[in-house]
Amino acid sequence: MPPTETGDDVPPERPDVDPTPGSVHRWPRWVYGSGSEPDARFSFANERTFLAWIRTGLAFLTAGVGVAALHNYFPGLVEAQIISLVLVGVGVLSGIVAFFRWMAQEKAMRHNRPLRSSLMMPVLSVALAVLAVFALVALV
């Protein structure tokens, strides 16, 4: 409907609709349906962090598939099979944790609560160190 000077384009007040702009069609409702809208810069930063965790998970998945393909050419390498399974597992875990972490951080920002630190960072660090040791053992 085109805007008019009389204000006919303004919909009537609806008590069943959340007054936060855009929150009616945003998912997940349990995140966007409560609290107040944070500064968009913080929400975008949270989204960029989520996407970085997704890229990290994809990198682990890709490495796992690559090691599994290498295992096809060198079937005697039992370490390669273990390494590929761990890489794929960490990649999947990274993607799952990224989504739940994004939701928790967004909800914390909407309720003006402090943001929690991530347990996934030390998990990824330890996994990478263990995989590096396995790779060194497999190469020697």
N, C-alpha and C. Protein backbone atom coordinates (compact mmCIF):
# COMPACT_ATOMS: atom_id res chain seq x y z
N MET A 1 0.86 -1.16 0.00
CA MET A 1 0.00 0.00 0.00
C MET A 1 0.91 1.23 0.00
N PRO A 2 0.69 2.18 -0.92
CA PRO A 2 1.53 3.38 -0.98
C PRO A 2 1.24 4.29 0.22
N PRO A 3 2.28 4.97 0.72
CA PRO A 3 2.07 5.86 1.86
C PRO A 3 1.20 7.05 1.49
N THR A 4 0.42 7.50 2.44
CA THR A 4 -0.44 8.66 2.23
C THR A 4 -0.11 9.69 3.30
N GLU A 5 -0.56 10.90 3.06
CA GLU A 5 -0.30 11.97 4.02
C GLU A 5 -1.16 11.85 5.27
N THR A 6 -2.22 11.10 5.19
CA THR A 6 -3.13 10.99 6.34
C THR A 6 -2.70 9.91 7.31
N GLY A 7 -1.71 9.12 6.94
CA GLY A 7 -1.25 8.07 7.84
C GLY A 7 -2.02 6.78 7.71
N ASP A 8 -2.74 6.59 6.57
CA ASP A 8 -3.51 5.37 6.36
C ASP A 8 -2.63 4.14 6.22
N ASP A 9 -1.34 4.35 5.92
CA ASP A 9 -0.46 3.22 5.69
C ASP A 9 0.05 2.60 6.99
N VAL A 10 -0.25 3.19 8.12
CA VAL A 10 0.20 2.67 9.41
C VAL A 10 -0.79 1.62 9.89
N PRO A 11 -0.32 0.38 10.12
CA PRO A 11 -1.26 -0.65 10.56
C PRO A 11 -1.76 -0.36 11.97
N PRO A 12 -2.95 -0.82 12.30
CA PRO A 12 -3.47 -0.60 13.66
C PRO A 12 -2.62 -1.36 14.68
N GLU A 13 -2.65 -0.92 15.92
CA GLU A 13 -1.90 -1.59 16.99
C GLU A 13 -2.41 -3.00 17.16
N ARG A 14 -1.50 -3.93 17.30
CA ARG A 14 -1.87 -5.33 17.51
C ARG A 14 -1.17 -5.82 18.77
N PRO A 15 -1.92 -6.22 19.78
CA PRO A 15 -1.31 -6.66 21.02
C PRO A 15 -0.60 -8.02 20.90
N ASP A 16 -0.90 -8.80 19.86
CA ASP A 16 -0.29 -10.11 19.71
C ASP A 16 1.06 -10.07 18.99
N VAL A 17 1.49 -8.87 18.57
CA VAL A 17 2.74 -8.73 17.83
C VAL A 17 3.77 -8.05 18.73
N ASP A 18 4.98 -8.62 18.73
CA ASP A 18 6.09 -8.03 19.50
C ASP A 18 6.43 -6.66 18.92
N PRO A 19 6.56 -5.63 19.75
CA PRO A 19 6.81 -4.30 19.22
C PRO A 19 8.22 -4.12 18.65
N THR A 20 9.13 -5.06 18.89
CA THR A 20 10.47 -4.93 18.35
C THR A 20 10.40 -5.07 16.83
N PRO A 21 10.94 -4.10 16.08
CA PRO A 21 10.85 -4.16 14.62
C PRO A 21 11.45 -5.45 14.07
N GLY A 22 10.73 -6.13 13.21
CA GLY A 22 11.23 -7.33 12.56
C GLY A 22 11.21 -8.58 13.41
N SER A 23 10.81 -8.50 14.66
CA SER A 23 10.89 -9.67 15.54
C SER A 23 9.79 -10.69 15.27
N VAL A 24 8.75 -10.30 14.54
CA VAL A 24 7.64 -11.20 14.29
C VAL A 24 8.09 -12.38 13.42
N HIS A 25 8.97 -12.13 12.49
CA HIS A 25 9.38 -13.17 11.55
C HIS A 25 10.80 -13.65 11.80
N ARG A 26 11.33 -13.41 12.95
CA ARG A 26 12.71 -13.81 13.24
C ARG A 26 12.71 -15.11 14.02
N TRP A 27 13.69 -15.95 13.69
CA TRP A 27 13.82 -17.25 14.33
C TRP A 27 15.21 -17.34 14.92
N PRO A 28 15.42 -17.92 16.03
CA PRO A 28 14.49 -18.61 16.92
C PRO A 28 13.74 -17.64 17.82
N ARG A 29 12.47 -17.90 18.02
CA ARG A 29 11.61 -17.01 18.80
C ARG A 29 12.09 -16.87 20.23
N TRP A 30 12.67 -17.95 20.81
CA TRP A 30 13.08 -17.85 22.22
C TRP A 30 14.25 -16.88 22.38
N VAL A 31 14.95 -16.57 21.28
CA VAL A 31 16.03 -15.57 21.35
C VAL A 31 15.45 -14.18 21.07
N TYR A 32 14.73 -14.04 19.97
CA TYR A 32 14.27 -12.73 19.55
C TYR A 32 12.97 -12.29 20.21
N GLY A 33 12.29 -13.18 20.86
CA GLY A 33 11.00 -12.84 21.45
C GLY A 33 11.08 -12.18 22.81
N SER A 34 12.28 -11.98 23.33
CA SER A 34 12.39 -11.37 24.67
C SER A 34 13.54 -10.37 24.67
N GLY A 35 13.52 -9.52 25.69
CA GLY A 35 14.58 -8.53 25.83
C GLY A 35 14.40 -7.38 24.86
N SER A 36 15.42 -6.54 24.81
CA SER A 36 15.37 -5.39 23.91
C SER A 36 16.40 -5.56 22.82
N GLU A 37 16.14 -4.90 21.71
CA GLU A 37 17.02 -5.01 20.56
C GLU A 37 18.37 -4.37 20.86
N PRO A 38 19.47 -5.15 20.77
CA PRO A 38 20.79 -4.56 21.01
C PRO A 38 21.24 -3.72 19.82
N ASP A 39 22.32 -3.01 20.01
CA ASP A 39 22.92 -2.25 18.92
C ASP A 39 23.22 -3.22 17.77
N ALA A 40 22.86 -2.85 16.57
CA ALA A 40 23.03 -3.74 15.42
C ALA A 40 24.49 -4.13 15.23
N ARG A 41 25.42 -3.26 15.58
CA ARG A 41 26.84 -3.59 15.42
C ARG A 41 27.22 -4.81 16.24
N PHE A 42 26.65 -4.94 17.44
CA PHE A 42 26.96 -6.08 18.29
C PHE A 42 26.33 -7.37 17.74
N SER A 43 25.11 -7.25 17.23
CA SER A 43 24.47 -8.42 16.63
C SER A 43 25.23 -8.88 15.39
N PHE A 44 25.70 -7.92 14.58
CA PHE A 44 26.47 -8.28 13.40
C PHE A 44 27.81 -8.90 13.79
N ALA A 45 28.43 -8.40 14.84
CA ALA A 45 29.69 -8.99 15.31
C ALA A 45 29.46 -10.41 15.80
N ASN A 46 28.36 -10.63 16.49
CA ASN A 46 28.01 -11.98 16.95
C ASN A 46 27.79 -12.90 15.75
N GLU A 47 27.15 -12.39 14.72
CA GLU A 47 26.92 -13.19 13.52
C GLU A 47 28.24 -13.50 12.80
N ARG A 48 29.15 -12.53 12.74
CA ARG A 48 30.45 -12.78 12.12
C ARG A 48 31.23 -13.83 12.89
N THR A 49 31.12 -13.80 14.22
CA THR A 49 31.79 -14.82 15.03
C THR A 49 31.19 -16.19 14.75
N PHE A 50 29.87 -16.26 14.65
CA PHE A 50 29.20 -17.51 14.29
C PHE A 50 29.73 -18.03 12.96
N LEU A 51 29.81 -17.16 11.96
CA LEU A 51 30.29 -17.58 10.64
C LEU A 51 31.75 -18.01 10.69
N ALA A 52 32.55 -17.39 11.55
CA ALA A 52 33.95 -17.82 11.70
C ALA A 52 34.03 -19.23 12.27
N TRP A 53 33.16 -19.54 13.25
CA TRP A 53 33.12 -20.90 13.80
C TRP A 53 32.65 -21.89 12.74
N ILE A 54 31.72 -21.49 11.89
CA ILE A 54 31.26 -22.36 10.81
C ILE A 54 32.40 -22.61 9.83
N ARG A 55 33.15 -21.57 9.48
CA ARG A 55 34.30 -21.76 8.58
C ARG A 55 35.34 -22.68 9.20
N THR A 56 35.55 -22.55 10.51
CA THR A 56 36.48 -23.43 11.20
C THR A 56 36.00 -24.88 11.13
N GLY A 57 34.71 -25.09 11.37
CA GLY A 57 34.15 -26.43 11.28
C GLY A 57 34.28 -27.00 9.88
N LEU A 58 34.03 -26.17 8.87
CA LEU A 58 34.18 -26.63 7.48
C LEU A 58 35.63 -26.99 7.16
N ALA A 59 36.56 -26.23 7.71
CA ALA A 59 37.97 -26.54 7.49
C ALA A 59 38.33 -27.89 8.11
N PHE A 60 37.84 -28.15 9.32
CA PHE A 60 38.09 -29.44 9.96
C PHE A 60 37.45 -30.57 9.15
N LEU A 61 36.22 -30.36 8.69
CA LEU A 61 35.54 -31.38 7.87
C LEU A 61 36.31 -31.65 6.59
N THR A 62 36.75 -30.60 5.92
CA THR A 62 37.50 -30.75 4.68
C THR A 62 38.80 -31.50 4.91
N ALA A 63 39.49 -31.15 5.99
CA ALA A 63 40.73 -31.85 6.31
C ALA A 63 40.45 -33.33 6.60
N GLY A 64 39.37 -33.61 7.30
CA GLY A 64 39.00 -34.99 7.60
C GLY A 64 38.71 -35.80 6.34
N VAL A 65 37.99 -35.19 5.41
CA VAL A 65 37.70 -35.87 4.14
C VAL A 65 39.00 -36.07 3.36
N GLY A 66 39.88 -35.09 3.39
CA GLY A 66 41.16 -35.22 2.69
C GLY A 66 42.02 -36.34 3.26
N VAL A 67 42.09 -36.43 4.57
CA VAL A 67 42.86 -37.50 5.20
C VAL A 67 42.21 -38.85 4.91
N ALA A 68 40.88 -38.91 4.90
CA ALA A 68 40.19 -40.16 4.58
C ALA A 68 40.50 -40.58 3.15
N ALA A 69 40.54 -39.62 2.22
CA ALA A 69 40.89 -39.94 0.84
C ALA A 69 42.33 -40.42 0.74
N LEU A 70 43.21 -39.83 1.51
CA LEU A 70 44.61 -40.27 1.54
C LEU A 70 44.71 -41.69 2.08
N HIS A 71 43.86 -42.00 3.03
CA HIS A 71 43.84 -43.35 3.61
C HIS A 71 43.50 -44.40 2.56
N ASN A 72 42.72 -44.03 1.55
CA ASN A 72 42.39 -44.97 0.48
C ASN A 72 43.63 -45.37 -0.32
N TYR A 73 44.60 -44.46 -0.44
CA TYR A 73 45.82 -44.74 -1.20
C TYR A 73 46.88 -45.45 -0.35
N PHE A 74 46.79 -45.27 0.96
CA PHE A 74 47.73 -45.91 1.88
C PHE A 74 46.93 -46.63 2.96
N PRO A 75 46.36 -47.79 2.64
CA PRO A 75 45.46 -48.47 3.59
C PRO A 75 46.13 -48.94 4.87
N GLY A 76 47.44 -49.03 4.90
CA GLY A 76 48.13 -49.49 6.11
C GLY A 76 48.19 -48.44 7.20
N LEU A 77 47.84 -47.21 6.91
CA LEU A 77 47.92 -46.14 7.90
C LEU A 77 46.67 -46.12 8.78
N VAL A 78 46.73 -46.79 9.90
CA VAL A 78 45.60 -46.79 10.83
C VAL A 78 45.43 -45.39 11.44
N GLU A 79 46.57 -44.70 11.62
CA GLU A 79 46.51 -43.35 12.19
C GLU A 79 45.68 -42.41 11.32
N ALA A 80 45.75 -42.60 9.99
CA ALA A 80 45.00 -41.73 9.08
C ALA A 80 43.50 -41.87 9.31
N GLN A 81 43.05 -43.07 9.56
CA GLN A 81 41.63 -43.28 9.81
C GLN A 81 41.20 -42.60 11.11
N ILE A 82 42.03 -42.72 12.14
CA ILE A 82 41.73 -42.07 13.42
C ILE A 82 41.73 -40.55 13.25
N ILE A 83 42.74 -40.05 12.56
CA ILE A 83 42.85 -38.60 12.34
C ILE A 83 41.62 -38.09 11.57
N SER A 84 41.21 -38.80 10.53
CA SER A 84 40.06 -38.33 9.75
C SER A 84 38.78 -38.34 10.57
N LEU A 85 38.59 -39.36 11.39
CA LEU A 85 37.39 -39.41 12.24
C LEU A 85 37.38 -38.27 13.26
N VAL A 86 38.53 -38.01 13.85
CA VAL A 86 38.60 -36.92 14.83
C VAL A 86 38.37 -35.57 14.15
N LEU A 87 38.97 -35.37 12.98
CA LEU A 87 38.78 -34.11 12.26
C LEU A 87 37.31 -33.89 11.89
N VAL A 88 36.66 -34.90 11.38
CA VAL A 88 35.25 -34.77 11.01
C VAL A 88 34.40 -34.53 12.27
N GLY A 89 34.69 -35.26 13.34
CA GLY A 89 33.95 -35.08 14.59
C GLY A 89 34.09 -33.67 15.15
N VAL A 90 35.31 -33.15 15.14
CA VAL A 90 35.54 -31.79 15.64
C VAL A 90 34.86 -30.77 14.73
N GLY A 91 34.84 -31.02 13.43
CA GLY A 91 34.17 -30.12 12.50
C GLY A 91 32.66 -30.06 12.74
N VAL A 92 32.06 -31.21 12.94
CA VAL A 92 30.61 -31.26 13.23
C VAL A 92 30.33 -30.59 14.57
N LEU A 93 31.14 -30.92 15.57
CA LEU A 93 30.95 -30.31 16.90
C LEU A 93 31.10 -28.80 16.85
N SER A 94 32.04 -28.32 16.05
CA SER A 94 32.24 -26.88 15.92
C SER A 94 31.00 -26.20 15.35
N GLY A 95 30.38 -26.79 14.35
CA GLY A 95 29.17 -26.21 13.77
C GLY A 95 28.00 -26.20 14.74
N ILE A 96 27.84 -27.27 15.48
CA ILE A 96 26.74 -27.35 16.45
C ILE A 96 26.94 -26.35 17.58
N VAL A 97 28.16 -26.31 18.11
CA VAL A 97 28.47 -25.38 19.20
C VAL A 97 28.32 -23.94 18.73
N ALA A 98 28.69 -23.67 17.47
CA ALA A 98 28.59 -22.31 16.94
C ALA A 98 27.15 -21.81 17.00
N PHE A 99 26.21 -22.66 16.63
CA PHE A 99 24.81 -22.23 16.62
C PHE A 99 24.31 -21.95 18.03
N PHE A 100 24.58 -22.87 18.96
CA PHE A 100 24.10 -22.66 20.32
C PHE A 100 24.81 -21.49 21.00
N ARG A 101 26.08 -21.31 20.67
CA ARG A 101 26.82 -20.17 21.22
C ARG A 101 26.26 -18.85 20.68
N TRP A 102 25.96 -18.81 19.38
CA TRP A 102 25.37 -17.60 18.80
C TRP A 102 24.06 -17.27 19.50
N MET A 103 23.20 -18.28 19.70
CA MET A 103 21.91 -18.03 20.35
C MET A 103 22.11 -17.52 21.78
N ALA A 104 23.02 -18.13 22.53
CA ALA A 104 23.24 -17.72 23.92
C ALA A 104 23.78 -16.30 23.99
N GLN A 105 24.71 -15.96 23.09
CA GLN A 105 25.29 -14.60 23.11
C GLN A 105 24.25 -13.57 22.69
N GLU A 106 23.44 -13.89 21.70
CA GLU A 106 22.41 -12.95 21.26
C GLU A 106 21.40 -12.69 22.38
N LYS A 107 21.00 -13.76 23.05
CA LYS A 107 20.04 -13.60 24.15
C LYS A 107 20.66 -12.81 25.30
N ALA A 108 21.93 -13.06 25.60
CA ALA A 108 22.60 -12.30 26.66
C ALA A 108 22.65 -10.82 26.32
N MET A 109 22.94 -10.49 25.07
CA MET A 109 22.97 -9.08 24.66
C MET A 109 21.58 -8.45 24.76
N ARG A 110 20.56 -9.21 24.40
CA ARG A 110 19.19 -8.67 24.45
C ARG A 110 18.74 -8.42 25.89
N HIS A 111 19.31 -9.14 26.86
CA HIS A 111 18.93 -8.97 28.26
C HIS A 111 19.99 -8.22 29.06
N ASN A 112 20.97 -7.65 28.34
CA ASN A 112 22.00 -6.82 28.96
C ASN A 112 22.79 -7.60 30.03
N ARG A 113 23.08 -8.87 29.75
CA ARG A 113 23.87 -9.71 30.64
C ARG A 113 25.27 -9.87 30.08
N PRO A 114 26.24 -10.21 30.93
CA PRO A 114 27.60 -10.42 30.42
C PRO A 114 27.66 -11.64 29.49
N LEU A 115 28.56 -11.58 28.53
CA LEU A 115 28.73 -12.67 27.59
C LEU A 115 29.62 -13.75 28.19
N ARG A 116 29.29 -15.00 27.91
CA ARG A 116 30.07 -16.12 28.44
C ARG A 116 31.26 -16.41 27.54
N SER A 117 32.30 -16.97 28.15
CA SER A 117 33.45 -17.40 27.36
C SER A 117 33.13 -18.75 26.72
N SER A 118 33.95 -19.14 25.78
CA SER A 118 33.69 -20.37 25.04
C SER A 118 34.58 -21.50 25.53
N LEU A 119 33.98 -22.66 25.75
CA LEU A 119 34.74 -23.86 26.08
C LEU A 119 35.28 -24.51 24.81
N MET A 120 34.79 -24.09 23.67
CA MET A 120 35.20 -24.71 22.42
C MET A 120 36.62 -24.33 22.03
N MET A 121 37.10 -23.17 22.45
CA MET A 121 38.46 -22.76 22.08
C MET A 121 39.52 -23.72 22.63
N PRO A 122 39.49 -24.06 23.93
CA PRO A 122 40.48 -25.04 24.38
C PRO A 122 40.28 -26.42 23.78
N VAL A 123 39.03 -26.80 23.50
CA VAL A 123 38.77 -28.10 22.87
C VAL A 123 39.42 -28.15 21.50
N LEU A 124 39.23 -27.09 20.70
CA LEU A 124 39.85 -27.05 19.38
C LEU A 124 41.37 -27.03 19.47
N SER A 125 41.90 -26.31 20.43
CA SER A 125 43.35 -26.23 20.59
C SER A 125 43.94 -27.60 20.94
N VAL A 126 43.32 -28.28 21.89
CA VAL A 126 43.80 -29.61 22.28
C VAL A 126 43.63 -30.59 21.12
N ALA A 127 42.50 -30.54 20.43
CA ALA A 127 42.27 -31.44 19.29
C ALA A 127 43.33 -31.22 18.22
N LEU A 128 43.65 -29.97 17.94
CA LEU A 128 44.65 -29.67 16.93
C LEU A 128 46.03 -30.17 17.35
N ALA A 129 46.37 -30.00 18.62
CA ALA A 129 47.66 -30.49 19.11
C ALA A 129 47.74 -32.01 19.04
N VAL A 130 46.69 -32.70 19.45
CA VAL A 130 46.67 -34.17 19.40
C VAL A 130 46.76 -34.66 17.96
N LEU A 131 46.03 -33.99 17.06
CA LEU A 131 46.08 -34.38 15.66
C LEU A 131 47.47 -34.14 15.06
N ALA A 132 48.11 -33.08 15.46
CA ALA A 132 49.47 -32.81 14.98
C ALA A 132 50.43 -33.91 15.43
N VAL A 133 50.29 -34.37 16.67
CA VAL A 133 51.14 -35.46 17.17
C VAL A 133 50.87 -36.74 16.37
N PHE A 134 49.59 -37.06 16.16
CA PHE A 134 49.24 -38.23 15.37
C PHE A 134 49.82 -38.13 13.96
N ALA A 135 49.73 -36.96 13.35
CA ALA A 135 50.26 -36.77 12.00
C ALA A 135 51.76 -36.96 11.97
N LEU A 136 52.46 -36.43 12.98
CA LEU A 136 53.90 -36.61 13.05
C LEU A 136 54.27 -38.08 13.20
N VAL A 137 53.53 -38.79 14.05
CA VAL A 137 53.79 -40.21 14.24
C VAL A 137 53.53 -40.97 12.93
N ALA A 138 52.49 -40.60 12.21
CA ALA A 138 52.16 -41.29 10.97
C ALA A 138 53.22 -41.03 9.89
N LEU A 139 53.83 -39.87 9.92
CA LEU A 139 54.84 -39.52 8.91
C LEU A 139 56.20 -40.16 9.20
N VAL A 140 56.47 -40.47 10.45
CA VAL A 140 57.77 -41.04 10.83
C VAL A 140 57.83 -42.50 10.67
